[in-house]
């Protein structure tokens, strides 16, 4: 069930998704790092390979899915890449990863409960 709070957040989530996607494309073109951008965009859905049936994710895959669909990972990756410790491609991968999460949220897909259902 969609709450009023979710509906009020939707424009912000859509705006964030568009901005992050635009930034990802800009940085990927500017630096020629398309592979990290593609990995960042598609990689978080690896957790779905553990089995999605009738809108329910296998409970064993829920922690992995929720970890890959939290903003902590991409933020840490972008901060580490911004310090110059790792290659710039990691920054673009983190940006794409954050864009993936924002797009999921804008489309109404959030984190999963322990049973594997959408919250």
PDB file of N, CA and C in Angstrom:
ATOM      1  N   UNK A   1       0.842  -1.183   0.000  1.00  0.00           N
ATOM      2  CA  UNK A   1       0.000   0.000   0.000  1.00  0.00           C
ATOM      3  C   UNK A   1       0.885   1.244   0.000  1.00  0.00           C
ATOM      4  N   UNK A   2       0.543   2.197  -0.795  1.00  0.00           N
ATOM      5  CA  UNK A   2       1.304   3.431  -0.890  1.00  0.00           C
ATOM      6  C   UNK A   2       0.761   4.441   0.103  1.00  0.00           C
ATOM      7  N   UNK A   3       1.650   4.975   0.918  1.00  0.00           N
ATOM      8  CA  UNK A   3       1.222   5.955   1.913  1.00  0.00           C
ATOM      9  C   UNK A   3       1.325   7.363   1.337  1.00  0.00           C
ATOM     10  N   UNK A   4       0.734   8.310   2.046  1.00  0.00           N
ATOM     11  CA  UNK A   4       0.792   9.710   1.618  1.00  0.00           C
ATOM     12  C   UNK A   4       2.224  10.215   1.619  1.00  0.00           C
ATOM     13  N   UNK A   5       3.033   9.716   2.554  1.00  0.00           N
ATOM     14  CA  UNK A   5       4.435  10.131   2.623  1.00  0.00           C
ATOM     15  C   UNK A   5       5.192   9.693   1.374  1.00  0.00           C
ATOM     16  N   UNK A   6       4.913   8.476   0.882  1.00  0.00           N
ATOM     17  CA  UNK A   6       5.557   7.998  -0.337  1.00  0.00           C
ATOM     18  C   UNK A   6       5.167   8.848  -1.538  1.00  0.00           C
ATOM     19  N   UNK A   7       3.903   9.237  -1.616  1.00  0.00           N
ATOM     20  CA  UNK A   7       3.432  10.059  -2.728  1.00  0.00           C
ATOM     21  C   UNK A   7       4.087  11.435  -2.679  1.00  0.00           C
ATOM     22  N   UNK A   8       4.257  11.996  -1.489  1.00  0.00           N
ATOM     23  CA  UNK A   8       4.889  13.306  -1.364  1.00  0.00           C
ATOM     24  C   UNK A   8       6.373  13.257  -1.702  1.00  0.00           C
ATOM     25  N   UNK A   9       7.008  12.123  -1.521  1.00  0.00           N
ATOM     26  CA  UNK A   9       8.430  11.981  -1.837  1.00  0.00           C
ATOM     27  C   UNK A   9       8.683  11.729  -3.318  1.00  0.00           C
ATOM     28  N   UNK A  10       7.695  11.284  -4.034  1.00  0.00           N
ATOM     29  CA  UNK A  10       7.883  10.861  -5.422  1.00  0.00           C
ATOM     30  C   UNK A  10       8.519  11.940  -6.303  1.00  0.00           C
ATOM     31  N   UNK A  11       8.066  13.204  -6.283  1.00  0.00           N
ATOM     32  CA  UNK A  11       8.719  14.215  -7.130  1.00  0.00           C
ATOM     33  C   UNK A  11      10.202  14.401  -6.792  1.00  0.00           C
ATOM     34  N   UNK A  12      10.536  14.340  -5.521  1.00  0.00           N
ATOM     35  CA  UNK A  12      11.935  14.461  -5.114  1.00  0.00           C
ATOM     36  C   UNK A  12      12.743  13.268  -5.610  1.00  0.00           C
ATOM     37  N   UNK A  13      12.179  12.077  -5.520  1.00  0.00           N
ATOM     38  CA  UNK A  13      12.873  10.882  -5.982  1.00  0.00           C
ATOM     39  C   UNK A  13      13.073  10.907  -7.497  1.00  0.00           C
ATOM     40  N   UNK A  14      12.085  11.374  -8.217  1.00  0.00           N
ATOM     41  CA  UNK A  14      12.208  11.480  -9.674  1.00  0.00           C
ATOM     42  C   UNK A  14      13.280  12.497 -10.036  1.00  0.00           C
ATOM     43  N   UNK A  15      13.286  13.631  -9.356  1.00  0.00           N
ATOM     44  CA  UNK A  15      14.296  14.663  -9.609  1.00  0.00           C
ATOM     45  C   UNK A  15      15.692  14.136  -9.329  1.00  0.00           C
ATOM     46  N   UNK A  16      15.865  13.456  -8.207  1.00  0.00           N
ATOM     47  CA  UNK A  16      17.168  12.883  -7.866  1.00  0.00           C
ATOM     48  C   UNK A  16      17.597  11.855  -8.904  1.00  0.00           C
ATOM     49  N   UNK A  17      16.673  11.022  -9.346  1.00  0.00           N
ATOM     50  CA  UNK A  17      16.993  10.008 -10.349  1.00  0.00           C
ATOM     51  C   UNK A  17      17.459  10.650 -11.654  1.00  0.00           C
ATOM     52  N   UNK A  18      16.758  11.679 -12.095  1.00  0.00           N
ATOM     53  CA  UNK A  18      17.128  12.362 -13.342  1.00  0.00           C
ATOM     54  C   UNK A  18      18.496  13.027 -13.211  1.00  0.00           C
ATOM     55  N   UNK A  19      18.736  13.701 -12.098  1.00  0.00           N
ATOM     56  CA  UNK A  19      20.025  14.376 -11.898  1.00  0.00           C
ATOM     57  C   UNK A  19      21.181  13.383 -11.824  1.00  0.00           C
ATOM     58  N   UNK A  20      21.007  12.295 -11.084  1.00  0.00           N
ATOM     59  CA  UNK A  20      22.076  11.300 -10.977  1.00  0.00           C
ATOM     60  C   UNK A  20      22.326  10.594 -12.304  1.00  0.00           C
ATOM     61  N   UNK A  21      21.270  10.309 -13.042  1.00  0.00           N
ATOM     62  CA  UNK A  21      21.439   9.680 -14.351  1.00  0.00           C
ATOM     63  C   UNK A  21      22.156  10.620 -15.312  1.00  0.00           C
ATOM     64  N   UNK A  22      21.783  11.896 -15.303  1.00  0.00           N
ATOM     65  CA  UNK A  22      22.452  12.881 -16.159  1.00  0.00           C
ATOM     66  C   UNK A  22      23.924  13.024 -15.779  1.00  0.00           C
ATOM     67  N   UNK A  23      24.213  13.062 -14.487  1.00  0.00           N
ATOM     68  CA  UNK A  23      25.604  13.168 -14.031  1.00  0.00           C
ATOM     69  C   UNK A  23      26.401  11.933 -14.415  1.00  0.00           C
ATOM     70  N   UNK A  24      25.784  10.767 -14.323  1.00  0.00           N
ATOM     71  CA  UNK A  24      26.463   9.525 -14.707  1.00  0.00           C
ATOM     72  C   UNK A  24      26.812   9.541 -16.186  1.00  0.00           C
ATOM     73  N   UNK A  25      25.858   9.904 -17.017  1.00  0.00           N
ATOM     74  CA  UNK A  25      26.105   9.954 -18.461  1.00  0.00           C
ATOM     75  C   UNK A  25      27.177  10.988 -18.778  1.00  0.00           C
ATOM     76  N   UNK A  26      27.095  12.157 -18.164  1.00  0.00           N
ATOM     77  CA  UNK A  26      28.085  13.212 -18.387  1.00  0.00           C
ATOM     78  C   UNK A  26      29.490  12.730 -18.038  1.00  0.00           C
ATOM     79  N   UNK A  27      29.646  12.148 -16.843  1.00  0.00           N
ATOM     80  CA  UNK A  27      30.967  11.692 -16.397  1.00  0.00           C
ATOM     81  C   UNK A  27      31.472  10.519 -17.239  1.00  0.00           C
ATOM     82  N   UNK A  28      30.583   9.621 -17.634  1.00  0.00           N
ATOM     83  CA  UNK A  28      30.998   8.484 -18.460  1.00  0.00           C
ATOM     84  C   UNK A  28      31.489   8.953 -19.825  1.00  0.00           C
ATOM     85  N   UNK A  29      30.803   9.930 -20.415  1.00  0.00           N
ATOM     86  CA  UNK A  29      31.227  10.474 -21.711  1.00  0.00           C
ATOM     87  C   UNK A  29      32.518  11.274 -21.554  1.00  0.00           C
ATOM     88  N   UNK A  30      32.577  12.097 -20.537  1.00  0.00           N
ATOM     89  CA  UNK A  30      33.740  12.962 -20.311  1.00  0.00           C
ATOM     90  C   UNK A  30      35.023  12.157 -20.115  1.00  0.00           C
ATOM     91  N   UNK A  31      34.928  11.063 -19.358  1.00  0.00           N
ATOM     92  CA  UNK A  31      36.127  10.295 -19.020  1.00  0.00           C
ATOM     93  C   UNK A  31      36.237   8.981 -19.784  1.00  0.00           C
ATOM     94  N   UNK A  32      35.251   8.667 -20.616  1.00  0.00           N
ATOM     95  CA  UNK A  32      35.302   7.448 -21.412  1.00  0.00           C
ATOM     96  C   UNK A  32      35.265   6.169 -20.589  1.00  0.00           C
ATOM     97  N   UNK A  33      34.496   6.167 -19.538  1.00  0.00           N
ATOM     98  CA  UNK A  33      34.430   4.997 -18.655  1.00  0.00           C
ATOM     99  C   UNK A  33      33.012   4.407 -18.668  1.00  0.00           C
ATOM    100  N   UNK A  34      32.655   3.799 -19.788  1.00  0.00           N
ATOM    101  CA  UNK A  34      31.321   3.249 -19.943  1.00  0.00           C
ATOM    102  C   UNK A  34      31.120   1.942 -19.193  1.00  0.00           C
ATOM    103  N   UNK A  35      32.164   1.123 -19.112  1.00  0.00           N
ATOM    104  CA  UNK A  35      32.014  -0.173 -18.435  1.00  0.00           C
ATOM    105  C   UNK A  35      31.679   0.008 -16.951  1.00  0.00           C
ATOM    106  N   UNK A  36      32.418   0.853 -16.210  1.00  0.00           N
ATOM    107  CA  UNK A  36      32.027   1.059 -14.810  1.00  0.00           C
ATOM    108  C   UNK A  36      30.617   1.640 -14.666  1.00  0.00           C
ATOM    109  N   UNK A  37      30.220   2.486 -15.606  1.00  0.00           N
ATOM    110  CA  UNK A  37      28.868   3.052 -15.554  1.00  0.00           C
ATOM    111  C   UNK A  37      27.824   1.951 -15.749  1.00  0.00           C
ATOM    112  N   UNK A  38      28.073   1.051 -16.689  1.00  0.00           N
ATOM    113  CA  UNK A  38      27.138  -0.053 -16.932  1.00  0.00           C
ATOM    114  C   UNK A  38      27.082  -1.000 -15.736  1.00  0.00           C
ATOM    115  N   UNK A  39      28.240  -1.283 -15.147  1.00  0.00           N
ATOM    116  CA  UNK A  39      28.280  -2.160 -13.968  1.00  0.00           C
ATOM    117  C   UNK A  39      27.527  -1.518 -12.805  1.00  0.00           C
ATOM    118  N   UNK A  40      27.712  -0.221 -12.618  1.00  0.00           N
ATOM    119  CA  UNK A  40      27.013   0.479 -11.543  1.00  0.00           C
ATOM    120  C   UNK A  40      25.511   0.519 -11.745  1.00  0.00           C
ATOM    121  N   UNK A  41      25.084   0.600 -12.998  1.00  0.00           N
ATOM    122  CA  UNK A  41      23.649   0.655 -13.284  1.00  0.00           C
ATOM    123  C   UNK A  41      22.984  -0.712 -13.168  1.00  0.00           C
ATOM    124  N   UNK A  42      23.656  -1.747 -13.624  1.00  0.00           N
ATOM    125  CA  UNK A  42      23.040  -3.072 -13.669  1.00  0.00           C
ATOM    126  C   UNK A  42      23.418  -3.961 -12.488  1.00  0.00           C
ATOM    127  N   UNK A  43      24.565  -3.712 -11.890  1.00  0.00           N
ATOM    128  CA  UNK A  43      25.086  -4.565 -10.827  1.00  0.00           C
ATOM    129  C   UNK A  43      24.197  -4.762  -9.618  1.00  0.00           C
ATOM    130  N   UNK A  44      23.531  -3.718  -9.119  1.00  0.00           N
ATOM    131  CA  UNK A  44      22.718  -3.911  -7.909  1.00  0.00           C
ATOM    132  C   UNK A  44      21.604  -4.942  -8.048  1.00  0.00           C
ATOM    133  N   UNK A  45      21.193  -5.236  -9.260  1.00  0.00           N
ATOM    134  CA  UNK A  45      20.112  -6.207  -9.428  1.00  0.00           C
ATOM    135  C   UNK A  45      20.606  -7.646  -9.477  1.00  0.00           C
ATOM    136  N   UNK A  46      21.897  -7.855  -9.229  1.00  0.00           N
ATOM    137  CA  UNK A  46      22.430  -9.213  -9.128  1.00  0.00           C
ATOM    138  C   UNK A  46      21.693  -9.979  -8.029  1.00  0.00           C
ATOM    139  N   UNK A  47      21.312  -9.289  -6.985  1.00  0.00           N
ATOM    140  CA  UNK A  47      20.621  -9.939  -5.863  1.00  0.00           C
ATOM    141  C   UNK A  47      19.303 -10.572  -6.299  1.00  0.00           C
ATOM    142  N   UNK A  48      18.721 -10.082  -7.376  1.00  0.00           N
ATOM    143  CA  UNK A  48      17.461 -10.649  -7.848  1.00  0.00           C
ATOM    144  C   UNK A  48      17.655 -12.049  -8.424  1.00  0.00           C
ATOM    145  N   UNK A  49      18.889 -12.417  -8.741  1.00  0.00           N
ATOM    146  CA  UNK A  49      19.155 -13.745  -9.281  1.00  0.00           C
ATOM    147  C   UNK A  49      18.911 -14.842  -8.250  1.00  0.00           C
ATOM    148  N   UNK A  50      18.829 -14.466  -6.984  1.00  0.00           N
ATOM    149  CA  UNK A  50      18.580 -15.466  -5.944  1.00  0.00           C
ATOM    150  C   UNK A  50      17.127 -15.935  -5.949  1.00  0.00           C
ATOM    151  N   UNK A  51      16.329 -15.363  -6.791  1.00  0.00           N
ATOM    152  CA  UNK A  51      14.964 -15.858  -6.951  1.00  0.00           C
ATOM    153  C   UNK A  51      13.899 -14.844  -6.616  1.00  0.00           C
ATOM    154  N   UNK A  52      13.206 -14.388  -7.627  1.00  0.00           N
ATOM    155  CA  UNK A  52      12.088 -13.470  -7.456  1.00  0.00           C
ATOM    156  C   UNK A  52      10.856 -14.186  -7.986  1.00  0.00           C
ATOM    157  N   UNK A  53       9.900 -14.425  -7.110  1.00  0.00           N
ATOM    158  CA  UNK A  53       8.707 -15.156  -7.511  1.00  0.00           C
ATOM    159  C   UNK A  53       7.493 -14.483  -6.889  1.00  0.00           C
ATOM    160  N   UNK A  54       6.531 -14.134  -7.717  1.00  0.00           N
ATOM    161  CA  UNK A  54       5.290 -13.500  -7.256  1.00  0.00           C
ATOM    162  C   UNK A  54       5.553 -12.239  -6.444  1.00  0.00           C
ATOM    163  N   UNK A  55       6.541 -11.443  -6.858  1.00  0.00           N
ATOM    164  CA  UNK A  55       6.850 -10.193  -6.170  1.00  0.00           C
ATOM    165  C   UNK A  55       7.595 -10.379  -4.866  1.00  0.00           C
ATOM    166  N   UNK A  56       8.040 -11.598  -4.604  1.00  0.00           N
ATOM    167  CA  UNK A  56       8.726 -11.910  -3.349  1.00  0.00           C
ATOM    168  C   UNK A  56      10.128 -12.415  -3.662  1.00  0.00           C
ATOM    169  N   UNK A  57      11.099 -11.823  -3.012  1.00  0.00           N
ATOM    170  CA  UNK A  57      12.491 -12.239  -3.157  1.00  0.00           C
ATOM    171  C   UNK A  57      12.773 -13.349  -2.154  1.00  0.00           C
ATOM    172  N   UNK A  58      13.592 -14.305  -2.548  1.00  0.00           N
ATOM    173  CA  UNK A  58      13.993 -15.373  -1.630  1.00  0.00           C
ATOM    174  C   UNK A  58      14.568 -14.733  -0.366  1.00  0.00           C
ATOM    175  N   UNK A  59      14.079 -15.105   0.822  1.00  0.00           N
ATOM    176  CA  UNK A  59      14.554 -14.474   2.065  1.00  0.00           C
ATOM    177  C   UNK A  59      16.068 -14.532   2.264  1.00  0.00           C
ATOM    178  N   UNK A  60      16.736 -15.540   1.705  1.00  0.00           N
ATOM    179  CA  UNK A  60      18.198 -15.597   1.819  1.00  0.00           C
ATOM    180  C   UNK A  60      18.870 -14.459   1.056  1.00  0.00           C
ATOM    181  N   UNK A  61      18.234 -13.958   0.002  1.00  0.00           N
ATOM    182  CA  UNK A  61      18.816 -12.892  -0.796  1.00  0.00           C
ATOM    183  C   UNK A  61      18.469 -11.492  -0.330  1.00  0.00           C
ATOM    184  N   UNK A  62      17.568 -11.376   0.647  1.00  0.00           N
ATOM    185  CA  UNK A  62      17.103 -10.064   1.104  1.00  0.00           C
ATOM    186  C   UNK A  62      18.225  -9.192   1.667  1.00  0.00           C
ATOM    187  N   UNK A  63      19.095  -9.703   2.564  1.00  0.00           N
ATOM    188  CA  UNK A  63      20.162  -8.835   3.084  1.00  0.00           C
ATOM    189  C   UNK A  63      21.089  -8.322   1.980  1.00  0.00           C
ATOM    190  N   UNK A  64      21.396  -9.179   1.015  1.00  0.00           N
ATOM    191  CA  UNK A  64      22.249  -8.791  -0.107  1.00  0.00           C
ATOM    192  C   UNK A  64      21.552  -7.731  -0.961  1.00  0.00           C
ATOM    193  N   UNK A  65      20.274  -7.956  -1.253  1.00  0.00           N
ATOM    194  CA  UNK A  65      19.499  -6.997  -2.040  1.00  0.00           C
ATOM    195  C   UNK A  65      19.436  -5.646  -1.333  1.00  0.00           C
ATOM    196  N   UNK A  66      19.105  -5.661  -0.040  1.00  0.00           N
ATOM    197  CA  UNK A  66      18.985  -4.408   0.714  1.00  0.00           C
ATOM    198  C   UNK A  66      20.320  -3.686   0.818  1.00  0.00           C
ATOM    199  N   UNK A  67      21.417  -4.430   0.954  1.00  0.00           N
ATOM    200  CA  UNK A  67      22.741  -3.800   1.006  1.00  0.00           C
ATOM    201  C   UNK A  67      23.078  -3.130  -0.323  1.00  0.00           C
ATOM    202  N   UNK A  68      22.726  -3.780  -1.430  1.00  0.00           N
ATOM    203  CA  UNK A  68      23.016  -3.213  -2.745  1.00  0.00           C
ATOM    204  C   UNK A  68      22.055  -2.089  -3.131  1.00  0.00           C
ATOM    205  N   UNK A  69      20.961  -1.949  -2.409  1.00  0.00           N
ATOM    206  CA  UNK A  69      19.991  -0.893  -2.704  1.00  0.00           C
ATOM    207  C   UNK A  69      19.918   0.143  -1.587  1.00  0.00           C
ATOM    208  N   UNK A  70      21.018   0.320  -0.899  1.00  0.00           N
ATOM    209  CA  UNK A  70      21.173   1.356   0.116  1.00  0.00           C
ATOM    210  C   UNK A  70      22.190   2.367  -0.407  1.00  0.00           C
ATOM    211  N   UNK A  71      22.021   3.625  -0.062  1.00  0.00           N
ATOM    212  CA  UNK A  71      22.919   4.666  -0.573  1.00  0.00           C
ATOM    213  C   UNK A  71      24.305   4.649   0.075  1.00  0.00           C
ATOM    214  N   UNK A  72      24.502   3.904   1.152  1.00  0.00           N
ATOM    215  CA  UNK A  72      25.800   3.900   1.835  1.00  0.00           C
ATOM    216  C   UNK A  72      26.932   3.422   0.927  1.00  0.00           C
ATOM    217  N   UNK A  73      26.713   2.343   0.207  1.00  0.00           N
ATOM    218  CA  UNK A  73      27.752   1.781  -0.661  1.00  0.00           C
ATOM    219  C   UNK A  73      28.233   2.746  -1.730  1.00  0.00           C
ATOM    220  N   UNK A  74      27.325   3.309  -2.536  1.00  0.00           N
ATOM    221  CA  UNK A  74      27.781   4.226  -3.572  1.00  0.00           C
ATOM    222  C   UNK A  74      28.445   5.486  -3.018  1.00  0.00           C
ATOM    223  N   UNK A  75      27.958   5.971  -1.880  1.00  0.00           N
ATOM    224  CA  UNK A  75      28.569   7.175  -1.292  1.00  0.00           C
ATOM    225  C   UNK A  75      29.998   6.881  -0.858  1.00  0.00           C
ATOM    226  N   UNK A  76      30.209   5.748  -0.188  1.00  0.00           N
ATOM    227  CA  UNK A  76      31.567   5.378   0.233  1.00  0.00           C
ATOM    228  C   UNK A  76      32.464   5.205  -0.989  1.00  0.00           C
ATOM    229  N   UNK A  77      31.964   4.536  -2.016  1.00  0.00           N
ATOM    230  CA  UNK A  77      32.746   4.327  -3.237  1.00  0.00           C
ATOM    231  C   UNK A  77      33.125   5.656  -3.888  1.00  0.00           C
ATOM    232  N   UNK A  78      32.195   6.595  -3.955  1.00  0.00           N
ATOM    233  CA  UNK A  78      32.487   7.896  -4.569  1.00  0.00           C
ATOM    234  C   UNK A  78      33.459   8.713  -3.732  1.00  0.00           C
ATOM    235  N   UNK A  79      33.336   8.657  -2.411  1.00  0.00           N
ATOM    236  CA  UNK A  79      34.259   9.402  -1.543  1.00  0.00           C
ATOM    237  C   UNK A  79      35.673   8.853  -1.685  1.00  0.00           C
ATOM    238  N   UNK A  80      35.812   7.532  -1.665  1.00  0.00           N
ATOM    239  CA  UNK A  80      37.138   6.921  -1.824  1.00  0.00           C
ATOM    240  C   UNK A  80      37.722   7.276  -3.189  1.00  0.00           C
ATOM    241  N   UNK A  81      36.907   7.222  -4.241  1.00  0.00           N
ATOM    242  CA  UNK A  81      37.390   7.557  -5.582  1.00  0.00           C
ATOM    243  C   UNK A  81      37.749   9.032  -5.694  1.00  0.00           C
ATOM    244  N   UNK A  82      37.015   9.894  -5.017  1.00  0.00           N
ATOM    245  CA  UNK A  82      37.292  11.336  -5.078  1.00  0.00           C
ATOM    246  C   UNK A  82      38.612  11.693  -4.408  1.00  0.00           C
ATOM    247  N   UNK A  83      39.072  10.854  -3.483  1.00  0.00           N
ATOM    248  CA  UNK A  83      40.354  11.123  -2.824  1.00  0.00           C
ATOM    249  C   UNK A  83      41.532  10.761  -3.709  1.00  0.00           C
ATOM    250  N   UNK A  84      41.278  10.054  -4.801  1.00  0.00           N
ATOM    251  CA  UNK A  84      42.354   9.687  -5.715  1.00  0.00           C
ATOM    252  C   UNK A  84      43.028   8.372  -5.372  1.00  0.00           C
ATOM    253  N   UNK A  85      42.519   7.670  -4.371  1.00  0.00           N
ATOM    254  CA  UNK A  85      43.111   6.391  -3.964  1.00  0.00           C
ATOM    255  C   UNK A  85      42.875   5.322  -5.029  1.00  0.00           C
ATOM    256  N   UNK A  86      41.723   5.366  -5.667  1.00  0.00           N
ATOM    257  CA  UNK A  86      41.395   4.412  -6.728  1.00  0.00           C
ATOM    258  C   UNK A  86      41.086   5.186  -8.008  1.00  0.00           C
ATOM    259  N   UNK A  87      40.948   4.462  -9.102  1.00  0.00           N
ATOM    260  CA  UNK A  87      40.721   5.082 -10.411  1.00  0.00           C
ATOM    261  C   UNK A  87      39.381   5.820 -10.471  1.00  0.00           C
ATOM    262  N   UNK A  88      39.305   6.780 -11.377  1.00  0.00           N
ATOM    263  CA  UNK A  88      38.104   7.595 -11.552  1.00  0.00           C
ATOM    264  C   UNK A  88      36.895   6.756 -11.960  1.00  0.00           C
ATOM    265  N   UNK A  89      37.130   5.634 -12.604  1.00  0.00           N
ATOM    266  CA  UNK A  89      36.030   4.760 -12.997  1.00  0.00           C
ATOM    267  C   UNK A  89      35.187   4.316 -11.815  1.00  0.00           C
ATOM    268  N   UNK A  90      35.807   4.198 -10.648  1.00  0.00           N
ATOM    269  CA  UNK A  90      35.061   3.817  -9.452  1.00  0.00           C
ATOM    270  C   UNK A  90      34.079   4.920  -9.043  1.00  0.00           C
ATOM    271  N   UNK A  91      34.462   6.168  -9.267  1.00  0.00           N
ATOM    272  CA  UNK A  91      33.548   7.277  -8.977  1.00  0.00           C
ATOM    273  C   UNK A  91      32.322   7.188  -9.882  1.00  0.00           C
ATOM    274  N   UNK A  92      32.562   6.933 -11.163  1.00  0.00           N
ATOM    275  CA  UNK A  92      31.452   6.822 -12.114  1.00  0.00           C
ATOM    276  C   UNK A  92      30.582   5.611 -11.777  1.00  0.00           C
ATOM    277  N   UNK A  93      31.204   4.509 -11.365  1.00  0.00           N
ATOM    278  CA  UNK A  93      30.431   3.328 -10.961  1.00  0.00           C
ATOM    279  C   UNK A  93      29.560   3.654  -9.748  1.00  0.00           C
ATOM    280  N   UNK A  94      30.110   4.390  -8.786  1.00  0.00           N
ATOM    281  CA  UNK A  94      29.331   4.787  -7.614  1.00  0.00           C
ATOM    282  C   UNK A  94      28.193   5.722  -7.980  1.00  0.00           C
ATOM    283  N   UNK A  95      28.460   6.626  -8.897  1.00  0.00           N
ATOM    284  CA  UNK A  95      27.428   7.551  -9.367  1.00  0.00           C
ATOM    285  C   UNK A  95      26.301   6.782 -10.069  1.00  0.00           C
ATOM    286  N   UNK A  96      26.678   5.825 -10.914  1.00  0.00           N
ATOM    287  CA  UNK A  96      25.681   5.009 -11.611  1.00  0.00           C
ATOM    288  C   UNK A  96      24.897   4.146 -10.628  1.00  0.00           C
ATOM    289  N   UNK A  97      25.586   3.632  -9.621  1.00  0.00           N
ATOM    290  CA  UNK A  97      24.936   2.812  -8.588  1.00  0.00           C
ATOM    291  C   UNK A  97      23.894   3.646  -7.844  1.00  0.00           C
ATOM    292  N   UNK A  98      24.267   4.868  -7.481  1.00  0.00           N
ATOM    293  CA  UNK A  98      23.322   5.767  -6.808  1.00  0.00           C
ATOM    294  C   UNK A  98      22.149   6.105  -7.733  1.00  0.00           C
ATOM    295  N   UNK A  99      22.431   6.281  -9.026  1.00  0.00           N
ATOM    296  CA  UNK A  99      21.361   6.554  -9.989  1.00  0.00           C
ATOM    297  C   UNK A  99      20.404   5.363 -10.067  1.00  0.00           C
ATOM    298  N   UNK A 100      20.951   4.160 -10.060  1.00  0.00           N
ATOM    299  CA  UNK A 100      20.116   2.957 -10.088  1.00  0.00           C
ATOM    300  C   UNK A 100      19.164   2.929  -8.888  1.00  0.00           C
ATOM    301  N   UNK A 101      19.700   3.208  -7.717  1.00  0.00           N
ATOM    302  CA  UNK A 101      18.880   3.212  -6.502  1.00  0.00           C
ATOM    303  C   UNK A 101      17.799   4.289  -6.598  1.00  0.00           C
ATOM    304  N   UNK A 102      18.178   5.476  -7.066  1.00  0.00           N
ATOM    305  CA  UNK A 102      17.216   6.575  -7.185  1.00  0.00           C
ATOM    306  C   UNK A 102      16.117   6.244  -8.195  1.00  0.00           C
ATOM    307  N   UNK A 103      16.488   5.604  -9.297  1.00  0.00           N
ATOM    308  CA  UNK A 103      15.486   5.209 -10.295  1.00  0.00           C
ATOM    309  C   UNK A 103      14.531   4.181  -9.698  1.00  0.00           C
ATOM    310  N   UNK A 104      15.077   3.204  -8.980  1.00  0.00           N
ATOM    311  CA  UNK A 104      14.214   2.221  -8.316  1.00  0.00           C
ATOM    312  C   UNK A 104      13.235   2.899  -7.370  1.00  0.00           C
ATOM    313  N   UNK A 105      13.718   3.837  -6.577  1.00  0.00           N
ATOM    314  CA  UNK A 105      12.848   4.538  -5.620  1.00  0.00           C
ATOM    315  C   UNK A 105      11.792   5.366  -6.363  1.00  0.00           C
ATOM    316  N   UNK A 106      12.193   6.013  -7.453  1.00  0.00           N
ATOM    317  CA  UNK A 106      11.247   6.823  -8.228  1.00  0.00           C
ATOM    318  C   UNK A 106      10.150   5.958  -8.843  1.00  0.00           C
ATOM    319  N   UNK A 107      10.491   4.713  -9.173  1.00  0.00           N
ATOM    320  CA  UNK A 107       9.508   3.798  -9.750  1.00  0.00           C
ATOM    321  C   UNK A 107       8.695   3.060  -8.685  1.00  0.00           C
ATOM    322  N   UNK A 108       9.013   3.319  -7.413  1.00  0.00           N
ATOM    323  CA  UNK A 108       8.246   2.721  -6.328  1.00  0.00           C
ATOM    324  C   UNK A 108       8.840   1.455  -5.743  1.00  0.00           C
ATOM    325  N   UNK A 109      10.046   1.083  -6.165  1.00  0.00           N
ATOM    326  CA  UNK A 109      10.701  -0.107  -5.616  1.00  0.00           C
ATOM    327  C   UNK A 109      11.613   0.307  -4.481  1.00  0.00           C
ATOM    328  N   UNK A 110      11.329  -0.199  -3.306  1.00  0.00           N
ATOM    329  CA  UNK A 110      12.148   0.134  -2.147  1.00  0.00           C
ATOM    330  C   UNK A 110      12.885  -1.082  -1.635  1.00  0.00           C
ATOM    331  N   UNK A 111      13.311  -0.998  -0.398  1.00  0.00           N
ATOM    332  CA  UNK A 111      13.986  -2.117   0.237  1.00  0.00           C
ATOM    333  C   UNK A 111      12.973  -3.222   0.514  1.00  0.00           C
ATOM    334  N   UNK A 112      13.460  -4.392   0.832  1.00  0.00           N
ATOM    335  CA  UNK A 112      12.611  -5.560   1.069  1.00  0.00           C
ATOM    336  C   UNK A 112      12.492  -5.867   2.560  1.00  0.00           C
ATOM    337  N   UNK A 113      11.372  -6.470   2.935  1.00  0.00           N
ATOM    338  CA  UNK A 113      11.212  -6.955   4.306  1.00  0.00           C
ATOM    339  C   UNK A 113      11.986  -8.263   4.442  1.00  0.00           C
ATOM    340  N   UNK A 114      12.098  -8.777   5.649  1.00  0.00           N
ATOM    341  CA  UNK A 114      12.817 -10.046   5.873  1.00  0.00           C
ATOM    342  C   UNK A 114      12.196 -11.200   5.096  1.00  0.00           C
ATOM    343  N   UNK A 115      10.893 -11.106   4.844  1.00  0.00           N
ATOM    344  CA  UNK A 115      10.198 -12.158   4.100  1.00  0.00           C
ATOM    345  C   UNK A 115      10.398 -12.038   2.598  1.00  0.00           C
ATOM    346  N   UNK A 116      10.978 -10.926   2.141  1.00  0.00           N
ATOM    347  CA  UNK A 116      11.257 -10.753   0.723  1.00  0.00           C
ATOM    348  C   UNK A 116      10.260  -9.898  -0.028  1.00  0.00           C
ATOM    349  N   UNK A 117       9.269  -9.360   0.655  1.00  0.00           N
ATOM    350  CA  UNK A 117       8.271  -8.517  -0.001  1.00  0.00           C
ATOM    351  C   UNK A 117       8.714  -7.054   0.011  1.00  0.00           C
ATOM    352  N   UNK A 118       8.133  -6.240  -0.878  1.00  0.00           N
ATOM    353  CA  UNK A 118       8.414  -4.805  -0.906  1.00  0.00           C
ATOM    354  C   UNK A 118       7.909  -4.163   0.370  1.00  0.00           C
ATOM    355  N   UNK A 119       8.649  -3.190   0.866  1.00  0.00           N
ATOM    356  CA  UNK A 119       8.182  -2.441   2.047  1.00  0.00           C
ATOM    357  C   UNK A 119       7.159  -1.431   1.628  1.00  0.00           C
TER     358      UNK A 119
END
